[in-house]
Amino acid sequence: MKFPRPDVRWPLLFSLLLSAWAVDAASLPPLDLGGVREEHVMIPMRDGVHLSAYLYLPAGEGQWPAVFEQRYANVTSTGTRKSSADLARRGFAVAMVNFRGSQESEGTYVGYRALAWGEKKDGYDTCEWLASQPWCTGKVGTFGSSQGGFAQNFLAVTQPPHLTCQYMVDTGLSLFQEGYRIGGVTRPGRFADFGANCRNPADNDALLAEWDQHPNYDDYWRAEDCTLHFSKMNVPCFTIGSWYDFMVQGSVGSFIGRQHQGGPNSRGKQWLLLGPWLHGRLNKGSKVGDLVYPDNVVWPEVDHMVRWFDHWLKGADNGIEKEPTVRYYVMGAVGEAGAPGNEYRSAADWPPQTQAGSLYLQADGLLGEKASSAEKSSTSYESDPAHPMEIAGRAFPGAKDARAFETQKEVRTWTTEPLTEPMEWNGEVKAEVWLSSTAPDTDVLLRVSDVYPDGRSILVMDYPMRARYRGGWDKQTLLMPGEPAQLSWHIGWTSLIFAKGHRIRVTLASTGAPLYEPNTQTGAAQTRDWQKDARAATNTIWHDAAHPSRIMVPLVK
């Protein structure tokens, strides 16, 4: 089915069309793409810079809707080329585009900044260039996960006229909250090797130095915070979030913001899927970490995305818009016959109605529903940035046995008695922890685990908090040594039924490297060269009548 060409009259688009050029794609290794044409083009931006894009066009002549993904990472792997060609065979012109300054794209690498709503609008220009091509119907959709999810939120804010719909997986909204920092904790090591993605690796060093100049949430970071601009997002979107991913907060936040604060073509046209997966795309199966869920959890991501694009970009009456607004997988015990949960539920909105509950830290490592009545009760441990506790890797190790971390010397745990009946959580988990330290600043890392009867402590969620930001992200308030201070922060989203006989565990520590890079604990600015100046501290978690440390949970009764 062909669509009438859009009336493209903007001078900007005319100039962009004239200034594009093709690049020889034959330099890539030969690959059978099943008749799909593969072309390498350099797409012009409004300032004369050209972005590298690999196009995959269906066989034959004609017009097709375009879909594209934006990444800083390589887009020419065998797997990416094959999946792009497969999507093209389903009747789409597919473009895999690299960020400014990354891979073969021209310009200075500035992360996501050139995709935003400032002077440069690289996503907007890419979308409109695709729409203006003679092989395009004028309808454009976007897809992608993680970096490709962030990019879609940035794009939606800029409102390109031909952007028609989006499909986001494990997405993000704010680079301060979900990028260089998490809970105020800086992550220079996480981004130090991003120079490998850059056309000029020195660009990444310059960007990290720039980030060091903005330790607080200020106008610099507001320029990369999509949560401030939901009203400008105005297209239908299907969003997938993964329970075992700290960035589920971005997926949930995107759905809520677009559904309730978006433009008229956004409100009421958002769909959300939440399941027990790790971060990433094309990994929404049944094997997750150490666990194997029932086959009912598997999500046909590519086939569903094609149906989504068929409806919004081709006008197919396939009923996808009539599917439940929210589908979420209620996790249950794995490998235990008759255990409740492990099923999808649907809802008209998210989060569902729940009752507020609390689990309090108590003496002797107990976790209970009643606050301690003790006059004075606390638990201490050492925190030494030079000798941190270890959480291997750079990705959240969800759905795995966490005992290797829990048994390290400077880690403390609090655990409930075995549950006498199932306990269901549906929604956001938060924490309030009373902390004192011999240092002016420190971090607190809080984890929640489902402890099976055989002793496995399956990690459900974790999140760090830097003490200096306890009064808000826009300012820093150092600790008074030895004086208890309350830290309140988000831990995660979940839908989980803790089975009868299981226990719930809260784990606290102040280091967990390299996943969470240690705080210098000096109170000084946290920069890339923090190792030259760091100090050890004794940290104390308070759990008495005057200082009731707890996690706040969304109970379903």
Protein backbone atom coordinates (compact mmCIF):
# COMPACT_ATOMS: atom_id res chain seq x y z
CA MET A 1 0.00 0.00 0.00
CA LYS A 2 1.38 3.42 -0.98
CA PHE A 3 0.70 6.70 0.76
CA PRO A 4 0.60 10.14 -0.85
CA ARG A 5 3.85 12.05 -0.55
CA PRO A 6 3.87 14.72 2.13
CA ASP A 7 4.06 18.32 1.02
CA VAL A 8 7.62 19.07 2.12
CA ARG A 9 8.26 22.77 1.60
CA TRP A 10 10.56 23.80 4.42
CA PRO A 11 13.77 25.47 3.19
CA LEU A 12 15.72 23.56 5.82
CA LEU A 13 14.64 20.22 4.45
CA PHE A 14 15.33 21.32 0.87
CA SER A 15 18.87 22.28 1.78
CA LEU A 16 19.37 19.07 3.73
CA LEU A 17 18.21 16.99 0.79
CA LEU A 18 20.69 18.68 -1.51
CA SER A 19 23.66 18.34 0.83
CA ALA A 20 23.44 14.62 1.63
CA TRP A 21 25.85 12.19 0.08
CA ALA A 22 26.25 8.45 -0.26
CA VAL A 23 29.28 6.54 0.96
CA ASP A 24 30.47 3.19 -0.30
CA ALA A 25 29.05 0.47 1.97
CA ALA A 26 31.12 -2.19 0.23
CA SER A 27 33.84 -1.75 2.87
CA LEU A 28 31.71 -3.84 5.21
CA PRO A 29 32.24 -7.62 5.17
CA PRO A 30 30.03 -9.37 2.59
CA LEU A 31 26.73 -10.51 4.09
CA ASP A 32 23.66 -12.09 2.55
CA LEU A 33 20.83 -9.71 3.43
CA GLY A 34 18.15 -11.54 1.48
CA GLY A 35 17.71 -9.02 -1.30
CA VAL A 36 17.66 -5.97 0.97
CA ARG A 37 19.73 -3.02 -0.28
CA GLU A 38 22.34 -1.75 2.18
CA GLU A 39 23.59 1.81 1.69
CA HIS A 40 25.85 4.03 3.75
CA VAL A 41 24.86 7.70 3.66
CA MET A 42 25.95 10.82 5.48
CA ILE A 43 22.85 12.72 6.62
CA PRO A 44 23.24 16.51 6.86
CA MET A 45 22.40 18.45 10.01
CA ARG A 46 21.37 22.09 10.15
CA ASP A 47 24.92 23.23 11.00
CA GLY A 48 26.56 21.39 8.09
CA VAL A 49 27.75 18.37 10.07
CA HIS A 50 26.86 14.96 8.58
CA LEU A 51 25.81 11.90 10.57
CA SER A 52 26.70 8.39 9.48
CA ALA A 53 23.67 6.21 8.70
CA TYR A 54 23.31 2.75 7.26
CA LEU A 55 20.13 2.36 5.24
CA TYR A 56 18.33 -0.91 4.58
CA LEU A 57 15.75 -0.68 1.82
CA PRO A 58 13.33 -3.41 0.69
CA ALA A 59 13.82 -4.93 -2.72
CA GLY A 60 12.10 -3.23 -5.63
CA GLU A 61 10.85 0.28 -6.19
CA GLY A 62 8.29 2.02 -4.12
CA GLN A 63 7.64 4.05 -1.06
CA TRP A 64 7.90 2.70 2.47
CA PRO A 65 7.54 4.24 5.90
CA ALA A 66 10.92 4.83 7.55
CA VAL A 67 12.00 3.65 10.98
CA PHE A 68 15.30 4.55 12.59
CA GLU A 69 17.43 4.03 15.66
CA GLN A 70 20.11 6.38 17.03
CA ARG A 71 23.18 5.04 18.85
CA TYR A 72 26.66 6.09 19.86
CA ALA A 73 27.67 2.42 19.67
CA ASN A 74 28.64 0.55 16.52
CA VAL A 75 25.75 -0.17 14.14
CA THR A 76 27.63 -2.40 11.67
CA SER A 77 27.92 -5.66 13.58
CA THR A 78 26.69 -8.75 11.77
CA GLY A 79 23.76 -9.07 14.15
CA THR A 80 22.66 -5.45 13.69
CA ARG A 81 22.94 -5.64 9.92
CA LYS A 82 20.89 -8.84 9.79
CA SER A 83 18.17 -7.57 12.15
CA SER A 84 17.95 -4.30 10.20
CA ALA A 85 17.58 -6.21 6.94
CA ASP A 86 14.92 -8.44 8.49
CA LEU A 87 12.93 -5.35 9.49
CA ALA A 88 13.33 -3.93 5.98
CA ARG A 89 11.95 -7.13 4.45
CA ARG A 90 8.77 -6.48 6.40
CA GLY A 91 8.19 -3.33 4.40
CA PHE A 92 10.15 -0.55 6.08
CA ALA A 93 13.05 1.66 5.12
CA VAL A 94 15.41 1.20 8.06
CA ALA A 95 18.11 3.64 9.14
CA MET A 96 20.75 2.94 11.78
CA VAL A 97 22.20 6.32 12.71
CA ASN A 98 25.19 7.20 14.87
CA PHE A 99 25.28 10.17 17.24
CA ARG A 100 27.26 13.24 16.29
CA GLY A 101 30.99 12.56 16.70
CA SER A 102 30.55 8.83 17.25
CA GLN A 103 31.77 6.07 14.94
CA GLU A 104 31.82 7.53 11.40
CA SER A 105 29.64 10.58 12.14
CA GLU A 106 31.18 14.02 11.81
CA GLY A 107 31.29 16.69 14.48
CA THR A 108 32.24 16.77 18.14
CA TYR A 109 30.92 14.01 20.37
CA VAL A 110 28.80 15.54 23.14
CA GLY A 111 26.78 12.53 24.23
CA TYR A 112 23.05 13.15 23.91
CA ARG A 113 23.34 16.95 24.03
CA ALA A 114 23.06 17.48 20.26
CA LEU A 115 19.86 15.40 20.19
CA ALA A 116 18.04 17.76 22.54
CA TRP A 117 16.05 20.96 22.14
CA GLY A 118 18.94 23.43 21.84
CA GLU A 119 20.55 24.93 18.76
CA LYS A 120 21.36 21.48 17.41
CA LYS A 121 18.51 19.04 16.89
CA ASP A 122 20.16 16.05 15.27
CA GLY A 123 17.26 13.67 15.86
CA TYR A 124 14.79 16.13 14.38
CA ASP A 125 16.95 16.72 11.31
CA THR A 126 17.45 12.98 10.80
CA CYS A 127 13.72 12.31 11.02
CA GLU A 128 12.83 15.04 8.54
CA TRP A 129 15.59 14.03 6.12
CA LEU A 130 14.25 10.48 6.05
CA ALA A 131 10.70 11.75 5.50
CA SER A 132 11.82 13.81 2.51
CA GLN A 133 13.42 10.92 0.61
CA PRO A 134 11.68 9.73 -2.57
CA TRP A 135 11.50 6.17 -1.22
CA CYS A 136 9.69 7.26 1.97
CA THR A 137 5.94 7.68 2.44
CA GLY A 138 6.55 10.57 4.79
CA LYS A 139 5.66 8.57 7.89
CA VAL A 140 8.54 7.94 10.30
CA GLY A 141 8.81 5.79 13.42
CA THR A 142 11.64 5.16 15.86
CA PHE A 143 12.85 2.21 17.92
CA GLY A 144 15.71 1.22 20.21
CA SER A 145 16.69 0.47 23.79
CA SER A 146 18.88 2.12 26.40
CA GLN A 147 20.85 4.74 24.42
CA GLY A 148 18.29 4.26 21.65
CA GLY A 149 15.51 4.78 24.21
CA PHE A 150 17.00 7.97 25.65
CA ALA A 151 17.38 9.27 22.09
CA GLN A 152 13.67 8.71 21.41
CA ASN A 153 12.59 10.77 24.40
CA PHE A 154 14.89 13.60 23.29
CA LEU A 155 13.47 13.34 19.76
CA ALA A 156 9.85 13.45 20.90
CA VAL A 157 10.43 16.74 22.72
CA THR A 158 11.65 18.40 19.50
CA GLN A 159 8.41 17.54 17.66
CA PRO A 160 9.55 16.73 14.12
CA PRO A 161 6.44 17.03 11.90
CA HIS A 162 6.79 13.56 10.37
CA LEU A 163 7.46 11.59 13.54
CA THR A 164 4.43 9.30 13.78
CA CYS A 165 5.10 6.75 16.55
CA GLN A 166 7.81 5.26 18.75
CA TYR A 167 8.76 1.91 20.30
CA MET A 168 11.06 2.20 23.33
CA VAL A 169 12.78 -0.50 25.38
CA ASP A 170 14.47 0.11 28.76
CA THR A 171 14.54 3.83 28.18
CA GLY A 172 15.77 6.85 30.13
CA LEU A 173 14.72 10.43 30.70
CA SER A 174 17.37 12.36 32.66
CA LEU A 175 21.13 12.02 32.22
CA PHE A 176 21.78 13.36 35.72
CA GLN A 177 19.54 10.72 37.29
CA GLU A 178 20.14 7.76 34.96
CA GLY A 179 23.48 8.41 33.30
CA TYR A 180 26.65 9.90 34.70
CA ARG A 181 25.06 9.84 38.14
CA ILE A 182 22.75 7.39 39.88
CA GLY A 183 21.42 8.52 43.24
CA GLY A 184 24.03 11.28 43.10
CA VAL A 185 26.84 8.72 42.80
CA THR A 186 29.26 9.69 40.04
CA ARG A 187 30.39 7.05 37.55
CA PRO A 188 33.54 8.33 35.78
CA GLY A 189 34.95 4.83 35.32
CA ARG A 190 31.74 3.73 33.61
CA PHE A 191 32.19 6.38 30.93
CA ALA A 192 36.00 6.60 30.75
CA ASP A 193 36.23 4.14 27.87
CA PHE A 194 33.49 5.76 25.79
CA GLY A 195 36.25 7.35 23.76
CA ALA A 196 36.29 4.08 21.85
CA ASN A 197 32.92 5.11 20.38
CA CYS A 198 34.19 8.52 19.29
CA ARG A 199 35.59 9.56 15.95
CA ASN A 200 38.00 11.65 18.05
CA PRO A 201 38.55 9.93 21.43
CA ALA A 202 39.62 13.23 23.01
CA ASP A 203 35.99 14.39 22.73
CA ASN A 204 35.03 11.98 25.49
CA ASP A 205 37.74 13.29 27.81
CA ALA A 206 36.52 16.83 27.23
CA LEU A 207 32.94 15.78 27.96
CA LEU A 208 33.92 14.10 31.24
CA ALA A 209 35.82 17.23 32.26
CA GLU A 210 32.72 19.28 31.45
CA TRP A 211 30.56 17.02 33.63
CA ASP A 212 32.99 17.55 36.52
CA GLN A 213 32.12 21.25 36.39
CA HIS A 214 28.46 20.51 37.12
CA PRO A 215 28.28 18.40 40.29
CA ASN A 216 24.71 19.50 41.08
CA TYR A 217 21.49 19.34 39.11
CA ASP A 218 21.67 22.74 37.41
CA ASP A 219 20.72 24.31 34.08
CA TYR A 220 23.38 22.20 32.37
CA TRP A 221 21.60 19.00 33.39
CA ARG A 222 18.13 20.47 32.89
CA ALA A 223 19.10 20.74 29.24
CA GLU A 224 19.23 16.93 29.21
CA ASP A 225 16.17 16.20 31.34
CA CYS A 226 13.17 15.11 29.31
CA THR A 227 10.89 15.01 32.36
CA LEU A 228 10.62 18.80 32.07
CA HIS A 229 9.06 18.55 28.61
CA PHE A 230 6.38 15.87 28.60
CA SER A 231 3.85 18.39 27.28
CA LYS A 232 5.84 18.57 24.04
CA MET A 233 5.82 14.81 23.49
CA ASN A 234 2.96 14.16 21.12
CA VAL A 235 3.11 10.72 19.49
CA PRO A 236 1.85 7.23 20.39
CA CYS A 237 4.51 5.09 22.04
CA PHE A 238 4.86 1.51 23.23
CA THR A 239 7.32 1.26 26.12
CA ILE A 240 8.94 -1.83 27.62
CA GLY A 241 10.52 -1.85 31.06
CA SER A 242 12.47 -4.59 32.85
CA TRP A 243 12.13 -5.32 36.56
CA TYR A 244 15.79 -6.29 36.91
CA ASP A 245 17.03 -2.97 35.54
CA PHE A 246 17.54 0.26 37.46
CA MET A 247 16.43 2.08 34.29
CA VAL A 248 12.92 0.70 34.71
CA GLN A 249 12.39 4.07 36.39
CA GLY A 250 12.87 5.66 32.98
CA SER A 251 10.40 3.34 31.29
CA VAL A 252 7.77 3.85 33.98
CA GLY A 253 8.39 7.59 34.08
CA SER A 254 8.13 7.88 30.30
CA PHE A 255 4.79 6.10 30.24
CA ILE A 256 3.29 8.10 33.11
CA GLY A 257 4.55 11.44 31.80
CA ARG A 258 3.50 10.94 28.22
CA GLN A 259 0.15 9.35 29.13
CA HIS A 260 -0.93 12.07 31.56
CA GLN A 261 1.05 15.19 30.63
CA GLY A 262 1.78 14.71 26.93
CA GLY A 263 0.25 16.45 23.95
CA PRO A 264 -3.19 15.53 22.56
CA ASN A 265 -1.76 12.79 20.35
CA SER A 266 0.17 11.36 23.28
CA ARG A 267 -2.32 11.32 26.15
CA GLY A 268 -4.29 8.09 26.10
CA LYS A 269 -2.06 6.64 23.37
CA GLN A 270 0.69 5.14 25.50
CA TRP A 271 1.15 1.45 26.22
CA LEU A 272 3.43 -0.13 28.83
CA LEU A 273 4.84 -3.62 29.27
CA LEU A 274 6.78 -4.58 32.41
CA GLY A 275 8.49 -7.95 32.83
CA PRO A 276 11.23 -9.82 34.74
CA TRP A 277 14.14 -9.12 32.46
CA LEU A 278 17.56 -7.53 32.51
CA HIS A 279 18.51 -4.34 30.73
CA GLY A 280 18.68 -4.55 26.96
CA ARG A 281 16.89 -5.28 23.72
CA LEU A 282 15.99 -8.66 22.23
CA ASN A 283 16.51 -10.36 25.61
CA LYS A 284 12.93 -10.60 26.84
CA GLY A 285 12.90 -14.37 27.28
CA SER A 286 12.50 -16.79 30.17
CA LYS A 287 16.15 -17.22 31.26
CA VAL A 288 17.07 -14.30 33.50
CA GLY A 289 20.19 -14.33 35.67
CA ASP A 290 20.11 -17.51 37.74
CA LEU A 291 16.38 -17.98 37.20
CA VAL A 292 14.27 -19.64 34.53
CA TYR A 293 10.72 -18.30 34.43
CA PRO A 294 7.77 -20.11 32.84
CA ASP A 295 7.53 -19.78 29.07
CA ASN A 296 4.53 -17.48 29.43
CA VAL A 297 6.92 -14.63 30.22
CA VAL A 298 8.49 -14.55 26.74
CA TRP A 299 7.74 -11.35 24.84
CA PRO A 300 7.87 -11.45 20.99
CA GLU A 301 9.58 -8.10 20.79
CA VAL A 302 10.34 -7.89 17.08
CA ASP A 303 7.00 -9.31 15.89
CA HIS A 304 5.09 -7.01 18.22
CA MET A 305 7.12 -3.99 17.12
CA VAL A 306 6.36 -4.81 13.47
CA ARG A 307 2.64 -5.00 14.27
CA TRP A 308 2.95 -1.65 16.06
CA PHE A 309 4.62 -0.03 13.06
CA ASP A 310 2.20 -1.72 10.63
CA HIS A 311 -0.69 -0.06 12.44
CA TRP A 312 0.66 3.45 12.97
CA LEU A 313 2.82 3.77 9.84
CA LYS A 314 0.86 1.70 7.30
CA GLY A 315 -2.67 1.96 8.63
CA ALA A 316 -3.08 -1.77 9.23
CA ASP A 317 -6.23 -2.62 11.17
CA ASN A 318 -4.54 -5.28 13.31
CA GLY A 319 -6.10 -4.41 16.68
CA ILE A 320 -2.86 -3.50 18.41
CA GLU A 321 -4.33 -0.25 19.69
CA LYS A 322 -7.05 -2.28 21.48
CA GLU A 323 -4.58 -4.22 23.60
CA PRO A 324 -4.44 -3.52 27.37
CA THR A 325 -2.85 -0.20 28.21
CA VAL A 326 -0.60 -1.78 30.82
CA ARG A 327 0.60 -5.35 31.06
CA TYR A 328 2.87 -6.32 33.92
CA TYR A 329 4.36 -9.63 34.93
CA VAL A 330 3.83 -10.50 38.57
CA MET A 331 6.95 -12.43 39.52
CA GLY A 332 6.73 -15.40 41.85
CA ALA A 333 9.04 -18.06 43.20
CA VAL A 334 10.76 -19.95 40.40
CA GLY A 335 10.96 -23.73 40.53
CA GLU A 336 8.35 -24.10 43.27
CA ALA A 337 5.19 -25.85 42.15
CA GLY A 338 2.03 -24.03 43.18
CA ALA A 339 3.78 -20.81 44.15
CA PRO A 340 1.61 -17.75 43.40
CA GLY A 341 2.58 -15.31 40.68
CA ASN A 342 4.50 -15.78 37.43
CA GLU A 343 1.64 -14.43 35.34
CA TYR A 344 0.75 -11.33 33.35
CA ARG A 345 -1.91 -8.95 34.58
CA SER A 346 -3.41 -5.99 32.77
CA ALA A 347 -4.40 -2.56 34.03
CA ALA A 348 -5.75 0.71 32.74
CA ASP A 349 -2.86 2.67 34.25
CA TRP A 350 0.29 2.38 36.30
CA PRO A 351 1.00 2.13 39.18
CA PRO A 352 -1.97 0.15 40.52
CA GLN A 353 -3.66 0.97 43.81
CA THR A 354 -1.78 -0.51 46.78
CA GLN A 355 -1.45 -0.09 50.52
CA ALA A 356 1.60 1.56 52.02
CA GLY A 357 3.66 -0.84 54.09
CA SER A 358 7.01 -0.73 55.86
CA LEU A 359 9.72 -3.15 56.84
CA TYR A 360 11.97 -1.80 59.60
CA LEU A 361 15.61 -2.49 60.34
CA GLN A 362 15.96 -3.87 63.85
CA ALA A 363 18.70 -5.12 66.16
CA ASP A 364 20.51 -8.39 65.47
CA GLY A 365 19.93 -8.21 61.73
CA LEU A 366 16.15 -8.63 61.91
CA LEU A 367 13.73 -7.02 59.44
CA GLY A 368 10.17 -6.62 60.67
CA GLU A 369 6.87 -4.81 60.23
CA LYS A 370 7.19 -2.97 63.54
CA ALA A 371 9.66 -0.18 64.27
CA SER A 372 12.16 -0.74 67.02
CA SER A 373 11.25 0.63 70.44
CA ALA A 374 14.84 0.55 71.65
CA GLU A 375 16.21 3.77 73.10
CA LYS A 376 19.48 3.30 71.25
CA SER A 377 20.23 0.72 68.55
CA SER A 378 22.65 0.84 65.62
CA THR A 379 24.89 -1.20 63.33
CA SER A 380 28.30 -0.01 62.14
CA TYR A 381 30.76 -0.97 59.43
CA GLU A 382 33.87 0.45 57.78
CA SER A 383 33.87 2.23 54.44
CA ASP A 384 37.22 2.58 52.72
CA PRO A 385 37.29 3.85 49.12
CA ALA A 386 40.78 2.41 48.69
CA HIS A 387 39.54 -1.06 49.67
CA PRO A 388 35.91 -1.21 48.52
CA MET A 389 33.54 -4.14 48.75
CA GLU A 390 33.07 -5.78 45.37
CA ILE A 391 30.14 -5.96 42.96
CA ALA A 392 31.65 -7.23 39.75
CA GLY A 393 30.91 -5.73 36.35
CA ARG A 394 29.17 -2.57 35.23
CA ALA A 395 25.62 -3.96 34.92
CA PHE A 396 23.09 -4.62 37.66
CA PRO A 397 23.39 -8.34 38.57
CA GLY A 398 19.67 -8.86 39.06
CA ALA A 399 18.00 -12.29 39.45
CA LYS A 400 21.28 -13.72 40.75
CA ASP A 401 22.34 -15.06 44.14
CA ALA A 402 23.68 -12.06 46.07
CA ARG A 403 25.33 -13.93 48.94
CA ALA A 404 28.82 -13.33 47.54
CA PHE A 405 28.34 -9.64 48.26
CA GLU A 406 26.31 -10.04 51.45
CA THR A 407 29.09 -12.04 53.17
CA GLN A 408 31.82 -9.49 52.51
CA LYS A 409 33.35 -7.95 55.60
CA GLU A 410 31.88 -4.45 55.48
CA VAL A 411 28.39 -5.38 54.33
CA ARG A 412 25.38 -5.72 56.65
CA THR A 413 22.07 -7.55 56.16
CA TRP A 414 18.62 -7.49 57.79
CA THR A 415 16.27 -10.40 57.10
CA THR A 416 12.65 -11.20 57.99
CA GLU A 417 11.55 -14.43 59.59
CA PRO A 418 10.17 -16.95 57.07
CA LEU A 419 6.88 -15.63 55.74
CA THR A 420 3.81 -17.44 57.05
CA GLU A 421 1.82 -16.29 54.01
CA PRO A 422 2.72 -14.78 50.64
CA MET A 423 3.49 -11.06 50.52
CA GLU A 424 2.84 -9.16 47.27
CA TRP A 425 4.43 -5.88 46.22
CA ASN A 426 3.22 -3.89 43.21
CA GLY A 427 4.86 -0.54 42.54
CA GLU A 428 7.69 1.62 43.82
CA VAL A 429 9.96 0.71 46.73
CA LYS A 430 11.60 3.54 48.68
CA ALA A 431 13.93 3.79 51.65
CA GLU A 432 14.43 5.97 54.70
CA VAL A 433 17.73 5.28 56.40
CA TRP A 434 19.28 7.07 59.37
CA LEU A 435 23.02 7.29 58.93
CA SER A 436 25.94 8.81 60.77
CA SER A 437 29.55 8.79 59.67
CA THR A 438 32.97 9.87 60.83
CA ALA A 439 33.34 11.43 57.36
CA PRO A 440 31.60 14.51 55.93
CA ASP A 441 30.19 12.50 53.03
CA THR A 442 29.58 8.86 52.13
CA ASP A 443 27.32 6.63 50.06
CA VAL A 444 24.67 4.14 51.07
CA LEU A 445 23.88 1.22 48.77
CA LEU A 446 20.62 -0.55 49.58
CA ARG A 447 19.63 -3.90 48.06
CA VAL A 448 16.44 -5.98 48.35
CA SER A 449 16.53 -9.76 47.91
CA ASP A 450 14.09 -12.66 47.89
CA VAL A 451 15.66 -15.33 50.11
CA TYR A 452 14.64 -18.84 49.06
CA PRO A 453 14.28 -21.67 51.61
CA ASP A 454 17.56 -23.17 50.35
CA GLY A 455 19.40 -19.96 51.30
CA ARG A 456 19.78 -18.34 47.89
CA SER A 457 19.38 -14.58 48.13
CA ILE A 458 18.00 -13.60 44.74
CA LEU A 459 18.67 -9.92 44.09
CA VAL A 460 15.51 -8.00 43.18
CA MET A 461 16.70 -4.38 43.15
CA ASP A 462 19.30 -1.98 44.47
CA TYR A 463 20.04 1.72 44.37
CA PRO A 464 22.71 3.98 45.86
CA MET A 465 22.38 7.34 47.58
CA ARG A 466 25.11 9.93 48.10
CA ALA A 467 24.62 11.54 51.49
CA ARG A 468 25.53 15.06 50.38
CA TYR A 469 22.43 15.13 48.12
CA ARG A 470 19.92 14.15 50.81
CA GLY A 471 18.44 17.67 50.75
CA GLY A 472 17.96 17.74 46.97
CA TRP A 473 19.92 17.21 43.79
CA ASP A 474 20.47 20.93 43.26
CA LYS A 475 22.54 21.45 46.42
CA GLN A 476 25.00 19.67 48.67
CA THR A 477 24.75 19.33 52.43
CA LEU A 478 27.67 17.62 54.11
CA LEU A 479 27.26 15.42 57.14
CA MET A 480 28.15 16.52 60.65
CA PRO A 481 30.51 13.75 61.81
CA GLY A 482 28.78 11.45 64.26
CA GLU A 483 25.38 13.11 63.90
CA PRO A 484 22.54 10.94 62.49
CA ALA A 485 20.96 12.22 59.26
CA GLN A 486 18.00 10.81 57.38
CA LEU A 487 18.47 9.73 53.76
CA SER A 488 15.30 9.16 51.71
CA TRP A 489 15.49 7.79 48.20
CA HIS A 490 13.99 5.65 45.45
CA ILE A 491 15.12 2.01 45.33
CA GLY A 492 13.16 0.48 42.45
CA TRP A 493 9.92 -0.66 40.84
CA THR A 494 8.66 -4.22 41.00
CA SER A 495 5.73 -6.62 40.92
CA LEU A 496 6.62 -9.63 43.04
CA ILE A 497 4.97 -12.17 45.31
CA PHE A 498 7.34 -13.37 48.03
CA ALA A 499 6.21 -16.95 48.57
CA LYS A 500 5.32 -18.57 51.89
CA GLY A 501 8.50 -19.81 53.58
CA HIS A 502 10.66 -17.23 51.80
CA ARG A 503 12.33 -14.36 53.60
CA ILE A 504 12.89 -10.74 52.56
CA ARG A 505 16.35 -9.27 52.97
CA VAL A 506 17.69 -5.72 52.99
CA THR A 507 21.43 -5.33 52.49
CA LEU A 508 23.38 -2.14 53.22
CA ALA A 509 26.94 -1.12 52.46
CA SER A 510 28.77 2.02 51.41
CA THR A 511 30.93 0.58 48.64
CA GLY A 512 30.31 -1.92 45.86
CA ALA A 513 32.93 -1.45 43.15
CA PRO A 514 33.28 -1.40 40.24
CA LEU A 515 29.51 -1.25 39.72
CA TYR A 516 29.27 1.74 42.04
CA GLU A 517 32.41 3.82 42.09
CA PRO A 518 33.50 4.76 45.62
CA ASN A 519 32.94 8.12 47.28
CA THR A 520 36.13 9.91 48.34
CA GLN A 521 34.34 10.63 51.65
CA THR A 522 36.26 13.91 51.96
CA GLY A 523 33.34 16.14 51.06
CA ALA A 524 35.37 17.56 48.17
CA ALA A 525 34.24 17.57 44.56
CA GLN A 526 33.96 14.09 43.10
CA THR A 527 35.96 14.10 39.87
CA ARG A 528 37.63 11.59 37.61
CA ASP A 529 40.88 11.73 39.57
CA TRP A 530 39.22 11.09 42.94
CA GLN A 531 41.71 8.35 43.84
CA LYS A 532 44.41 10.88 44.68
CA ASP A 533 42.46 12.09 47.72
CA ALA A 534 40.20 9.71 49.65
CA ARG A 535 39.65 8.75 53.27
CA ALA A 536 38.22 5.82 55.19
CA ALA A 537 35.28 6.18 57.59
CA THR A 538 33.15 4.34 60.08
CA ASN A 539 29.50 4.45 59.06
CA THR A 540 26.62 3.69 61.41
CA ILE A 541 23.06 2.72 60.47
CA TRP A 542 20.58 3.68 63.19
CA HIS A 543 17.46 1.65 63.92
CA ASP A 544 15.92 2.75 67.20
CA ALA A 545 12.79 4.58 68.33
CA ALA A 546 14.18 8.00 67.38
CA HIS A 547 15.72 6.81 64.11
CA PRO A 548 13.40 4.24 62.44
CA SER A 549 15.27 3.10 59.33
CA ARG A 550 12.96 1.28 56.91
CA ILE A 551 11.99 0.40 53.38
CA MET A 552 8.55 1.51 52.24
CA VAL A 553 6.77 -1.06 50.10
CA PRO A 554 3.58 -1.12 47.95
CA LEU A 555 1.52 -3.93 49.49
CA VAL A 556 -1.28 -5.77 47.73
CA LYS A 557 -3.78 -7.27 50.18
